Amino acid sequence: MTAATLLTDGMIENFGKFSDRDKYLPEVKKQLIVIRQMTDEILRINHIADNITPVNVSVEEMANQALNSVRTMTEVKNIRTAVCERLIGT
């Protein structure tokens, strides 16, 4: 935003190389498009974050499912696996 503002100020004031409006006005437009895209993305992310509903999951269950998916391979290679319960914050 600052770069676009400086470019437009230079064009308005006919200051230095920025007085060449035909050359620098397209540059300002490109910068404004990028700024708009960034703003749109921030708003989209914010909207997504506002609409997220927290879900409780069992990490132990997820770990067991992951281990079960490779159980045959671990047995063939004689690799022992286990999920240990650990309380966090106590």
N, C-alpha and C. Protein backbone atom coordinates (compact mmCIF):
# COMPACT_ATOMS: atom_id res chain seq x y z
N MET A 1 0.83 -1.18 0.00
CA MET A 1 0.00 0.00 0.00
C MET A 1 0.88 1.25 0.00
N THR A 2 1.94 1.20 0.78
CA THR A 2 2.85 2.33 0.86
C THR A 2 3.49 2.62 -0.50
N ALA A 3 3.92 1.55 -1.18
CA ALA A 3 4.55 1.74 -2.49
C ALA A 3 3.57 2.36 -3.47
N ALA A 4 2.33 1.89 -3.48
CA ALA A 4 1.33 2.44 -4.38
C ALA A 4 1.06 3.91 -4.05
N THR A 5 1.01 4.23 -2.77
CA THR A 5 0.79 5.62 -2.35
C THR A 5 1.94 6.51 -2.79
N LEU A 6 3.18 6.04 -2.61
CA LEU A 6 4.34 6.84 -3.02
C LEU A 6 4.35 7.05 -4.53
N LEU A 7 4.02 6.01 -5.27
CA LEU A 7 3.98 6.15 -6.73
C LEU A 7 2.93 7.16 -7.16
N THR A 8 1.74 7.07 -6.57
CA THR A 8 0.68 8.00 -6.96
C THR A 8 1.01 9.42 -6.51
N ASP A 9 1.63 9.58 -5.34
CA ASP A 9 2.06 10.91 -4.90
C ASP A 9 3.05 11.50 -5.90
N GLY A 10 4.00 10.67 -6.34
CA GLY A 10 4.98 11.14 -7.32
C GLY A 10 4.33 11.55 -8.62
N MET A 11 3.32 10.81 -9.05
CA MET A 11 2.63 11.15 -10.29
C MET A 11 1.80 12.43 -10.13
N ILE A 12 1.13 12.56 -8.99
CA ILE A 12 0.32 13.77 -8.75
C ILE A 12 1.20 15.01 -8.71
N GLU A 13 2.34 14.90 -8.07
CA GLU A 13 3.24 16.04 -7.90
C GLU A 13 4.19 16.22 -9.08
N ASN A 14 4.09 15.33 -10.08
CA ASN A 14 5.03 15.34 -11.20
C ASN A 14 6.47 15.33 -10.69
N PHE A 15 6.73 14.44 -9.75
CA PHE A 15 8.03 14.38 -9.08
C PHE A 15 8.90 13.31 -9.72
N GLY A 16 10.08 13.74 -10.17
CA GLY A 16 11.09 12.82 -10.67
C GLY A 16 10.58 11.87 -11.75
N LYS A 17 11.10 10.65 -11.70
CA LYS A 17 10.74 9.67 -12.73
C LYS A 17 9.28 9.26 -12.66
N PHE A 18 8.65 9.44 -11.51
CA PHE A 18 7.25 9.04 -11.35
C PHE A 18 6.28 9.99 -12.06
N SER A 19 6.79 11.10 -12.57
CA SER A 19 5.92 12.00 -13.34
C SER A 19 5.51 11.37 -14.67
N ASP A 20 6.21 10.31 -15.07
CA ASP A 20 5.87 9.57 -16.29
C ASP A 20 4.69 8.66 -15.99
N ARG A 21 3.49 9.23 -15.98
CA ARG A 21 2.27 8.51 -15.59
C ARG A 21 2.02 7.28 -16.46
N ASP A 22 2.29 7.41 -17.75
CA ASP A 22 2.02 6.29 -18.67
C ASP A 22 2.84 5.06 -18.29
N LYS A 23 4.01 5.29 -17.74
CA LYS A 23 4.87 4.17 -17.37
C LYS A 23 4.51 3.61 -15.99
N TYR A 24 4.26 4.50 -15.02
CA TYR A 24 4.11 4.06 -13.64
C TYR A 24 2.68 3.78 -13.19
N LEU A 25 1.68 4.29 -13.91
CA LEU A 25 0.30 4.00 -13.53
C LEU A 25 -0.02 2.51 -13.64
N PRO A 26 0.44 1.81 -14.68
CA PRO A 26 0.23 0.36 -14.71
C PRO A 26 0.91 -0.36 -13.53
N GLU A 27 2.05 0.16 -13.08
CA GLU A 27 2.73 -0.42 -11.92
C GLU A 27 1.88 -0.26 -10.66
N VAL A 28 1.28 0.91 -10.50
CA VAL A 28 0.40 1.14 -9.35
C VAL A 28 -0.76 0.15 -9.40
N LYS A 29 -1.33 -0.03 -10.60
CA LYS A 29 -2.45 -0.95 -10.74
C LYS A 29 -2.05 -2.37 -10.35
N LYS A 30 -0.87 -2.81 -10.77
CA LYS A 30 -0.37 -4.15 -10.41
C LYS A 30 -0.25 -4.28 -8.90
N GLN A 31 0.31 -3.26 -8.25
CA GLN A 31 0.48 -3.30 -6.80
C GLN A 31 -0.88 -3.33 -6.09
N LEU A 32 -1.83 -2.57 -6.60
CA LEU A 32 -3.16 -2.56 -5.99
C LEU A 32 -3.86 -3.90 -6.16
N ILE A 33 -3.65 -4.56 -7.29
CA ILE A 33 -4.23 -5.89 -7.50
C ILE A 33 -3.64 -6.88 -6.51
N VAL A 34 -2.34 -6.82 -6.29
CA VAL A 34 -1.70 -7.70 -5.32
C VAL A 34 -2.24 -7.43 -3.92
N ILE A 35 -2.39 -6.17 -3.58
CA ILE A 35 -2.93 -5.80 -2.26
C ILE A 35 -4.35 -6.31 -2.11
N ARG A 36 -5.15 -6.19 -3.18
CA ARG A 36 -6.53 -6.69 -3.13
C ARG A 36 -6.54 -8.20 -2.93
N GLN A 37 -5.66 -8.92 -3.64
CA GLN A 37 -5.60 -10.36 -3.49
C GLN A 37 -5.22 -10.77 -2.07
N MET A 38 -4.25 -10.06 -1.50
CA MET A 38 -3.82 -10.35 -0.13
C MET A 38 -4.98 -10.07 0.85
N THR A 39 -5.67 -8.97 0.64
CA THR A 39 -6.79 -8.62 1.51
C THR A 39 -7.90 -9.65 1.40
N ASP A 40 -8.21 -10.07 0.17
CA ASP A 40 -9.23 -11.09 -0.03
C ASP A 40 -8.86 -12.40 0.67
N GLU A 41 -7.58 -12.76 0.58
CA GLU A 41 -7.12 -13.99 1.22
C GLU A 41 -7.22 -13.90 2.75
N ILE A 42 -6.85 -12.75 3.30
CA ILE A 42 -6.96 -12.54 4.75
C ILE A 42 -8.42 -12.63 5.18
N LEU A 43 -9.32 -12.01 4.42
CA LEU A 43 -10.74 -12.07 4.76
C LEU A 43 -11.29 -13.49 4.65
N ARG A 44 -10.84 -14.23 3.63
CA ARG A 44 -11.28 -15.61 3.47
C ARG A 44 -10.82 -16.47 4.64
N ILE A 45 -9.55 -16.30 5.03
CA ILE A 45 -9.02 -17.07 6.16
C ILE A 45 -9.76 -16.70 7.44
N ASN A 46 -10.03 -15.42 7.62
CA ASN A 46 -10.75 -14.97 8.81
C ASN A 46 -12.16 -15.56 8.83
N HIS A 47 -12.82 -15.59 7.68
CA HIS A 47 -14.16 -16.17 7.60
C HIS A 47 -14.13 -17.66 7.93
N ILE A 48 -13.14 -18.36 7.41
CA ILE A 48 -13.01 -19.79 7.70
C ILE A 48 -12.80 -20.00 9.19
N ALA A 49 -11.92 -19.19 9.79
CA ALA A 49 -11.61 -19.32 11.22
C ALA A 49 -12.85 -19.05 12.07
N ASP A 50 -13.68 -18.11 11.64
CA ASP A 50 -14.90 -17.80 12.39
C ASP A 50 -15.91 -18.93 12.35
N ASN A 51 -15.84 -19.75 11.32
CA ASN A 51 -16.84 -20.80 11.13
C ASN A 51 -16.33 -22.19 11.49
N ILE A 52 -15.20 -22.27 12.16
CA ILE A 52 -14.65 -23.56 12.57
C ILE A 52 -15.29 -23.97 13.90
N THR A 53 -15.78 -25.19 13.94
CA THR A 53 -16.32 -25.73 15.17
C THR A 53 -15.30 -26.72 15.74
N PRO A 54 -14.80 -26.45 16.93
CA PRO A 54 -13.82 -27.36 17.52
C PRO A 54 -14.41 -28.76 17.71
N VAL A 55 -13.60 -29.76 17.48
CA VAL A 55 -14.02 -31.15 17.62
C VAL A 55 -13.02 -31.85 18.52
N ASN A 56 -13.54 -32.54 19.54
CA ASN A 56 -12.67 -33.34 20.40
C ASN A 56 -12.31 -34.62 19.68
N VAL A 57 -11.04 -34.96 19.70
CA VAL A 57 -10.59 -36.21 19.08
C VAL A 57 -9.76 -36.98 20.09
N SER A 58 -9.76 -38.27 19.92
CA SER A 58 -8.94 -39.13 20.76
C SER A 58 -7.61 -39.36 20.05
N VAL A 59 -6.57 -38.77 20.58
CA VAL A 59 -5.25 -38.94 19.99
C VAL A 59 -4.82 -40.40 20.09
N GLU A 60 -5.19 -41.04 21.20
CA GLU A 60 -4.85 -42.46 21.37
C GLU A 60 -5.49 -43.30 20.27
N GLU A 61 -6.76 -43.03 19.99
CA GLU A 61 -7.47 -43.77 18.94
C GLU A 61 -6.83 -43.51 17.57
N MET A 62 -6.49 -42.27 17.30
CA MET A 62 -5.85 -41.94 16.02
C MET A 62 -4.50 -42.64 15.88
N ALA A 63 -3.73 -42.66 16.97
CA ALA A 63 -2.42 -43.32 16.94
C ALA A 63 -2.58 -44.83 16.73
N ASN A 64 -3.56 -45.43 17.41
CA ASN A 64 -3.82 -46.86 17.23
C ASN A 64 -4.23 -47.17 15.80
N GLN A 65 -5.06 -46.33 15.20
CA GLN A 65 -5.47 -46.53 13.81
C GLN A 65 -4.27 -46.44 12.88
N ALA A 66 -3.40 -45.48 13.14
CA ALA A 66 -2.20 -45.34 12.31
C ALA A 66 -1.30 -46.57 12.44
N LEU A 67 -1.13 -47.05 13.66
CA LEU A 67 -0.30 -48.24 13.88
C LEU A 67 -0.94 -49.48 13.26
N ASN A 68 -2.27 -49.59 13.36
CA ASN A 68 -2.95 -50.74 12.76
C ASN A 68 -2.78 -50.77 11.24
N SER A 69 -2.68 -49.58 10.63
CA SER A 69 -2.54 -49.54 9.17
C SER A 69 -1.19 -50.07 8.70
N VAL A 70 -0.21 -50.14 9.60
CA VAL A 70 1.12 -50.66 9.23
C VAL A 70 1.48 -51.91 10.03
N ARG A 71 0.49 -52.49 10.71
CA ARG A 71 0.75 -53.62 11.60
C ARG A 71 1.40 -54.80 10.87
N THR A 72 0.90 -55.17 9.70
CA THR A 72 1.46 -56.30 8.96
C THR A 72 2.94 -56.07 8.68
N MET A 73 3.28 -54.87 8.24
CA MET A 73 4.66 -54.55 7.94
C MET A 73 5.54 -54.61 9.19
N THR A 74 5.01 -54.10 10.31
CA THR A 74 5.81 -54.11 11.55
C THR A 74 6.00 -55.53 12.06
N GLU A 75 4.99 -56.37 11.90
CA GLU A 75 5.13 -57.77 12.34
C GLU A 75 6.15 -58.51 11.50
N VAL A 76 6.12 -58.30 10.18
CA VAL A 76 7.08 -58.95 9.28
C VAL A 76 8.50 -58.54 9.63
N LYS A 77 8.68 -57.27 9.99
CA LYS A 77 10.01 -56.76 10.30
C LYS A 77 10.34 -56.89 11.79
N ASN A 78 9.45 -57.52 12.54
CA ASN A 78 9.64 -57.73 13.97
C ASN A 78 9.86 -56.41 14.72
N ILE A 79 9.01 -55.44 14.39
CA ILE A 79 9.08 -54.13 15.05
C ILE A 79 7.92 -54.04 16.03
N ARG A 80 8.24 -53.72 17.27
CA ARG A 80 7.21 -53.57 18.29
C ARG A 80 6.70 -52.13 18.29
N THR A 81 5.39 -52.00 18.39
CA THR A 81 4.78 -50.66 18.47
C THR A 81 3.82 -50.64 19.64
N ALA A 82 3.63 -49.45 20.20
CA ALA A 82 2.68 -49.29 21.30
C ALA A 82 2.31 -47.83 21.42
N VAL A 83 1.12 -47.61 21.92
CA VAL A 83 0.66 -46.25 22.21
C VAL A 83 0.60 -46.13 23.72
N CYS A 84 1.33 -45.19 24.24
CA CYS A 84 1.36 -44.98 25.70
C CYS A 84 0.48 -43.80 26.05
N GLU A 85 -0.28 -43.93 27.13
CA GLU A 85 -1.13 -42.84 27.59
C GLU A 85 -0.29 -41.93 28.47
N ARG A 86 -0.36 -40.66 28.19
CA ARG A 86 0.35 -39.68 28.99
C ARG A 86 -0.57 -38.50 29.22
N LEU A 87 -0.76 -38.13 30.45
CA LEU A 87 -1.62 -36.99 30.75
C LEU A 87 -0.81 -35.72 30.61
N ILE A 88 -1.38 -34.77 29.91
CA ILE A 88 -0.70 -33.49 29.68
C ILE A 88 -1.28 -32.46 30.65
N GLY A 89 -0.40 -31.68 31.23
CA GLY A 89 -0.85 -30.60 32.11
C GLY A 89 -1.13 -31.03 33.53
N THR A 90 -0.66 -32.22 33.91
CA THR A 90 -0.89 -32.64 35.30
C THR A 90 0.43 -32.82 36.00
